[in-house]
């Protein structure tokens, strides 16, 4: 259930941030990021539980570290990808400021 809540919250927060593409809606970005941050509470607790079930006593800490680190790398990848895409969108006329 925690994975479902975390995933849906992260998706909802991401969609909220998509609608904040206008400079006058900068505060909406913070609302979306807050939803994503609260959802991470549910997601970051999963790797230790899965590691305890799937791995032996000598491997649990390594599996937990990889699981948590993988989530952080994913968040970094998404943030960098979005920044690169926004820089590419500057060439479109629909996003030019008047």
Protein backbone atom coordinates (compact mmCIF):
# COMPACT_ATOMS: atom_id res chain seq x y z
CA UNK A 1 0.00 0.00 0.00
CA UNK A 2 2.89 2.37 0.78
CA UNK A 3 4.33 1.90 -2.71
CA UNK A 4 0.97 2.74 -4.26
CA UNK A 5 0.55 5.88 -2.14
CA UNK A 6 4.13 6.98 -2.81
CA UNK A 7 3.90 6.34 -6.55
CA UNK A 8 0.56 8.09 -6.96
CA UNK A 9 1.71 11.05 -4.87
CA UNK A 10 4.91 11.37 -6.87
CA UNK A 11 2.96 11.24 -10.13
CA UNK A 12 0.44 13.80 -8.87
CA UNK A 13 3.20 16.15 -7.71
CA UNK A 14 4.98 15.80 -11.04
CA UNK A 15 1.80 16.68 -12.94
CA UNK A 16 1.29 19.70 -10.69
CA UNK A 17 4.83 20.84 -11.50
CA UNK A 18 4.14 20.45 -15.22
CA UNK A 19 1.34 23.00 -14.94
CA UNK A 20 3.75 25.51 -13.39
CA UNK A 21 5.58 26.22 -16.65
CA UNK A 22 4.52 29.87 -16.63
CA UNK A 23 6.70 32.37 -14.72
CA UNK A 24 3.70 33.77 -12.83
CA UNK A 25 2.87 30.27 -11.50
CA UNK A 26 6.19 29.77 -9.75
CA UNK A 27 4.42 29.05 -6.45
CA UNK A 28 2.69 26.06 -8.09
CA UNK A 29 6.14 24.50 -8.50
CA UNK A 30 6.56 24.56 -4.73
CA UNK A 31 3.15 22.98 -4.20
CA UNK A 32 4.04 20.17 -6.61
CA UNK A 33 7.45 19.67 -5.02
CA UNK A 34 5.84 19.50 -1.57
CA UNK A 35 3.50 16.74 -2.77
CA UNK A 36 6.48 14.83 -4.21
CA UNK A 37 8.49 15.29 -1.00
CA UNK A 38 5.66 14.01 1.20
CA UNK A 39 5.24 11.02 -1.13
CA UNK A 40 8.92 10.15 -0.73
CA UNK A 41 8.20 9.34 2.92
CA UNK A 42 6.30 6.28 1.72
CA UNK A 43 8.79 5.29 -1.00
CA UNK A 44 12.04 5.52 0.97
CA UNK A 45 10.85 3.03 3.60
CA UNK A 46 10.43 0.22 1.07
CA UNK A 47 14.07 -0.79 0.29
CA UNK A 48 14.87 -2.00 3.84
CA UNK A 49 11.71 -4.08 3.96
CA UNK A 50 12.38 -5.69 0.59
CA UNK A 51 16.04 -6.27 1.42
CA UNK A 52 15.15 -8.02 4.67
CA UNK A 53 12.91 -10.45 2.79
CA UNK A 54 14.95 -11.08 -0.35
CA UNK A 55 18.56 -10.99 0.88
CA UNK A 56 20.58 -12.77 3.51
CA UNK A 57 21.80 -11.18 6.76
CA UNK A 58 25.18 -10.26 5.25
CA UNK A 59 23.61 -8.57 2.20
CA UNK A 60 20.76 -6.55 3.72
CA UNK A 61 22.70 -3.33 4.32
CA UNK A 62 24.21 -3.34 0.83
CA UNK A 63 20.84 -4.01 -0.82
CA UNK A 64 19.20 -1.24 1.26
CA UNK A 65 21.93 1.24 0.32
CA UNK A 66 21.59 0.41 -3.37
CA UNK A 67 17.80 0.69 -3.19
CA UNK A 68 17.84 4.10 -1.51
CA UNK A 69 20.71 5.39 -3.67
CA UNK A 70 18.92 4.21 -6.81
CA UNK A 71 15.91 6.30 -5.88
CA UNK A 72 18.07 9.38 -5.39
CA UNK A 73 19.86 8.83 -8.72
CA UNK A 74 16.46 8.55 -10.39
CA UNK A 75 15.35 11.88 -8.89
CA UNK A 76 18.59 13.53 -10.06
CA UNK A 77 18.16 12.08 -13.55
CA UNK A 78 14.61 13.40 -13.78
CA UNK A 79 15.62 16.87 -12.58
CA UNK A 80 18.49 17.14 -15.07
CA UNK A 81 16.32 15.81 -17.92
CA UNK A 82 13.63 18.38 -17.21
CA UNK A 83 16.18 21.22 -17.19
CA UNK A 84 17.62 20.05 -20.51
CA UNK A 85 14.16 19.81 -22.07
CA UNK A 86 13.20 23.28 -20.85
CA UNK A 87 16.34 24.68 -22.47
CA UNK A 88 15.31 22.99 -25.74
CA UNK A 89 11.79 24.43 -25.48
CA UNK A 90 13.08 28.00 -25.55
CA UNK A 91 13.09 27.75 -29.34
CA UNK A 92 9.30 27.25 -29.46
CA UNK A 93 7.20 30.36 -29.92
CA UNK A 94 4.42 29.14 -27.61
CA UNK A 95 6.66 29.69 -24.56
CA UNK A 96 7.97 33.12 -25.48
CA UNK A 97 7.07 35.87 -23.08
CA UNK A 98 5.18 38.82 -24.47
